[in-house]
C-alpha atoms as a PDB file:
ATOM      1  CA  MET A   1      93.202  82.517 148.430  1.00  0.00           C
ATOM      2  CA  HIS A   2      90.718  85.382 148.838  1.00  0.00           C
ATOM      3  CA  PHE A   3      87.958  85.758 146.360  1.00  0.00           C
ATOM      4  CA  SER A   4      89.107  89.166 145.247  1.00  0.00           C
ATOM      5  CA  THR A   5      92.614  87.841 144.469  1.00  0.00           C
ATOM      6  CA  LEU A   6      91.084  84.891 142.566  1.00  0.00           C
ATOM      7  CA  LEU A   7      88.813  87.177 140.567  1.00  0.00           C
ATOM      8  CA  THR A   8      91.797  89.513 139.679  1.00  0.00           C
ATOM      9  CA  ALA A   9      93.925  86.492 138.578  1.00  0.00           C
ATOM     10  CA  ILE A  10      91.109  85.185 136.391  1.00  0.00           C
ATOM     11  CA  SER A  11      90.589  88.787 134.914  1.00  0.00           C
ATOM     12  CA  ALA A  12      94.271  88.958 134.131  1.00  0.00           C
ATOM     13  CA  LEU A  13      94.363  85.532 132.378  1.00  0.00           C
ATOM     14  CA  THR A  14      91.246  86.494 130.324  1.00  0.00           C
ATOM     15  CA  PHE A  15      92.753  89.785 129.240  1.00  0.00           C
ATOM     16  CA  ALA A  16      96.108  88.108 128.338  1.00  0.00           C
ATOM     17  CA  SER A  17      94.379  85.439 126.192  1.00  0.00           C
ATOM     18  CA  ALA A  18      92.232  88.118 124.426  1.00  0.00           C
ATOM     19  CA  ALA A  19      95.417  90.131 123.751  1.00  0.00           C
ATOM     20  CA  ALA A  20      96.961  87.086 121.992  1.00  0.00           C
ATOM     21  CA  VAL A  21      94.382  86.880 119.340  1.00  0.00           C
ATOM     22  CA  ASP A  22      96.006  87.572 115.880  1.00  0.00           C
ATOM     23  CA  THR A  23      94.259  90.435 114.008  1.00  0.00           C
ATOM     24  CA  ARG A  24      96.500  90.297 111.028  1.00  0.00           C
ATOM     25  CA  LEU A  25      94.829  89.356 107.767  1.00  0.00           C
ATOM     26  CA  GLY A  26      97.958  89.077 105.792  1.00  0.00           C
ATOM     27  CA  ALA A  27     101.146  90.732 104.491  1.00  0.00           C
ATOM     28  CA  PHE A  28     103.050  90.580 101.100  1.00  0.00           C
ATOM     29  CA  ASP A  29     105.984  92.224  99.344  1.00  0.00           C
ATOM     30  CA  VAL A  30     105.977  93.364  95.735  1.00  0.00           C
ATOM     31  CA  SER A  31     108.901  94.251  93.550  1.00  0.00           C
ATOM     32  CA  VAL A  32     109.349  95.686  90.021  1.00  0.00           C
ATOM     33  CA  ILE A  33     112.191  93.078  89.610  1.00  0.00           C
ATOM     34  CA  ARG A  34     111.070  89.634  88.382  1.00  0.00           C
ATOM     35  CA  GLY A  35     112.092  86.683  90.455  1.00  0.00           C
ATOM     36  CA  ARG A  36     113.530  85.978  93.804  1.00  0.00           C
ATOM     37  CA  PRO A  37     115.027  86.914  96.227  1.00  0.00           C
ATOM     38  CA  LEU A  38     113.392  90.280  96.621  1.00  0.00           C
ATOM     39  CA  SER A  39     115.840  92.954  97.464  1.00  0.00           C
ATOM     40  CA  LEU A  40     115.041  95.579 100.209  1.00  0.00           C
ATOM     41  CA  ASN A  41     115.951  98.315  97.838  1.00  0.00           C
ATOM     42  CA  ASN A  42     113.262  97.597  95.264  1.00  0.00           C
ATOM     43  CA  THR A  43     110.497  96.042  97.458  1.00  0.00           C
ATOM     44  CA  GLN A  44     107.308  97.598  98.808  1.00  0.00           C
ATOM     45  CA  THR A  45     105.401  95.822 101.743  1.00  0.00           C
ATOM     46  CA  TYR A  46     101.651  95.750 102.157  1.00  0.00           C
ATOM     47  CA  GLU A  47     100.029  94.521 105.366  1.00  0.00           C
ATOM     48  CA  PHE A  48      96.303  94.152 106.166  1.00  0.00           C
ATOM     49  CA  ALA A  49      94.455  93.670 109.444  1.00  0.00           C
ATOM     50  CA  LEU A  50      91.274  91.715 109.737  1.00  0.00           C
ATOM     51  CA  GLY A  51      88.293  93.959 108.674  1.00  0.00           C
ATOM     52  CA  GLN A  52      90.376  95.789 106.096  1.00  0.00           C
ATOM     53  CA  ASP A  53      89.265  93.528 103.301  1.00  0.00           C
ATOM     54  CA  ASN A  54      86.860  94.909 100.595  1.00  0.00           C
ATOM     55  CA  ASN A  55      86.145  94.467  97.025  1.00  0.00           C
ATOM     56  CA  SER A  56      88.003  97.625  95.961  1.00  0.00           C
ATOM     57  CA  CYS A  57      90.608  97.614  93.153  1.00  0.00           C
ATOM     58  CA  LEU A  58      93.925  98.643  94.767  1.00  0.00           C
ATOM     59  CA  THR A  59      96.991  99.902  92.798  1.00  0.00           C
ATOM     60  CA  PHE A  60     100.615 100.376  93.804  1.00  0.00           C
ATOM     61  CA  GLY A  61     100.656 103.987  92.945  1.00  0.00           C
ATOM     62  CA  ASN A  62     102.823 106.091  90.571  1.00  0.00           C
ATOM     63  CA  SER A  63     101.449 103.955  87.646  1.00  0.00           C
ATOM     64  CA  THR A  64     103.857 101.321  88.567  1.00  0.00           C
ATOM     65  CA  ASN A  65     103.362  97.701  87.599  1.00  0.00           C
ATOM     66  CA  MET A  66     105.017  95.086  89.825  1.00  0.00           C
ATOM     67  CA  ASN A  67     106.572  91.847  88.563  1.00  0.00           C
ATOM     68  CA  THR A  68     106.883  89.724  91.644  1.00  0.00           C
ATOM     69  CA  VAL A  69     104.816  89.198  94.734  1.00  0.00           C
ATOM     70  CA  ASP A  70     106.032  87.382  97.856  1.00  0.00           C
ATOM     71  CA  VAL A  71     103.250  86.420 100.214  1.00  0.00           C
ATOM     72  CA  LYS A  72     104.597  86.423 103.741  1.00  0.00           C
ATOM     73  CA  PHE A  73     101.547  85.198 105.573  1.00  0.00           C
ATOM     74  CA  TRP A  74      97.863  85.176 104.723  1.00  0.00           C
ATOM     75  CA  ASN A  75      94.578  84.191 106.498  1.00  0.00           C
ATOM     76  CA  PRO A  76      93.226  81.073 104.831  1.00  0.00           C
ATOM     77  CA  GLN A  77      89.761  82.531 104.816  1.00  0.00           C
ATOM     78  CA  CYS A  78      90.782  85.419 102.693  1.00  0.00           C
ATOM     79  CA  LEU A  79      92.183  85.935  99.058  1.00  0.00           C
ATOM     80  CA  LEU A  80      94.850  87.989  97.548  1.00  0.00           C
ATOM     81  CA  THR A  81      93.763  88.546  93.921  1.00  0.00           C
ATOM     82  CA  LEU A  82      96.134  90.046  91.283  1.00  0.00           C
ATOM     83  CA  PHE A  83      95.298  91.744  88.094  1.00  0.00           C
ATOM     84  CA  GLU A  84      97.278  92.934  84.989  1.00  0.00           C
ATOM     85  CA  GLU A  85      94.957  95.987  84.481  1.00  0.00           C
ATOM     86  CA  ARG A  86      94.900  98.932  86.881  1.00  0.00           C
ATOM     87  CA  ASN A  87      91.115  98.763  86.932  1.00  0.00           C
ATOM     88  CA  CYS A  88      90.955  95.035  87.767  1.00  0.00           C
ATOM     89  CA  SER A  89      88.970  94.343  84.589  1.00  0.00           C
ATOM     90  CA  ASP A  90      91.073  91.397  83.382  1.00  0.00           C
ATOM     91  CA  LEU A  91      91.086  87.724  84.366  1.00  0.00           C
ATOM     92  CA  SER A  92      92.693  87.577  87.701  1.00  0.00           C
ATOM     93  CA  VAL A  93      95.182  85.217  89.569  1.00  0.00           C
ATOM     94  CA  VAL A  94      94.560  84.339  93.158  1.00  0.00           C
ATOM     95  CA  THR A  95      97.750  83.861  95.020  1.00  0.00           C
ATOM     96  CA  GLY A  96      98.880  81.191  97.294  1.00  0.00           C
ATOM     97  CA  PRO A  97     101.688  81.408  99.834  1.00  0.00           C
ATOM     98  CA  ASN A  98     105.411  82.202  98.786  1.00  0.00           C
ATOM     99  CA  CYS A  99     106.614  83.939  95.728  1.00  0.00           C
ATOM    100  CA  TRP A 100     104.712  84.520  92.415  1.00  0.00           C
ATOM    101  CA  THR A 101     105.793  86.086  89.104  1.00  0.00           C
ATOM    102  CA  PRO A 102     102.665  86.073  87.110  1.00  0.00           C
ATOM    103  CA  ASP A 103     102.837  86.660  83.411  1.00  0.00           C
ATOM    104  CA  GLY A 104     101.855  90.202  82.377  1.00  0.00           C
ATOM    105  CA  GLY A 105     102.875  91.632  85.763  1.00  0.00           C
ATOM    106  CA  ILE A 106     100.768  92.986  88.479  1.00  0.00           C
ATOM    107  CA  ALA A 107      99.113  96.406  88.162  1.00  0.00           C
ATOM    108  CA  ALA A 108      96.412  96.006  90.824  1.00  0.00           C
ATOM    109  CA  PHE A 109      95.011  93.734  93.562  1.00  0.00           C
ATOM    110  CA  LYS A 110      92.073  93.041  95.720  1.00  0.00           C
ATOM    111  CA  VAL A 111      91.869  91.822  99.304  1.00  0.00           C
ATOM    112  CA  THR A 112      88.758  89.964 100.130  1.00  0.00           C
ATOM    113  CA  CYS A 113      87.697  87.406 102.742  1.00  0.00           C
ATOM    114  CA  PRO A 114      84.762  85.523 101.204  1.00  0.00           C
ATOM    115  CA  TYR A 115      85.201  82.433 103.518  1.00  0.00           C
ATOM    116  CA  ARG A 116      85.243  84.262 106.785  1.00  0.00           C
ATOM    117  CA  ASN A 117      82.533  83.383 109.316  1.00  0.00           C
END
């Protein structure tokens, strides 16, 4: 094998492995309907990439409170924190995987990664 051919093959393998790195932080669905299963008709999906985390208080828009959150996947170094108040001033609930129906509903949320290196 020629050196240039070998170098090209190594470069291609390096690029392919770099492209396989997952840059997704997490995704979750929310619904105004309490409980599962979530229907596509009443569900909103939120997805975040690594680097989109911050300590901002985020809402669902239109003064809508949600009743159910279904965490599809989430980076274990990051947190999805739910709030009953639209200004994130109340005690919060940190979600885990799967479906949650917190008492008081969900008016806002934060996406943070305090454990990321």
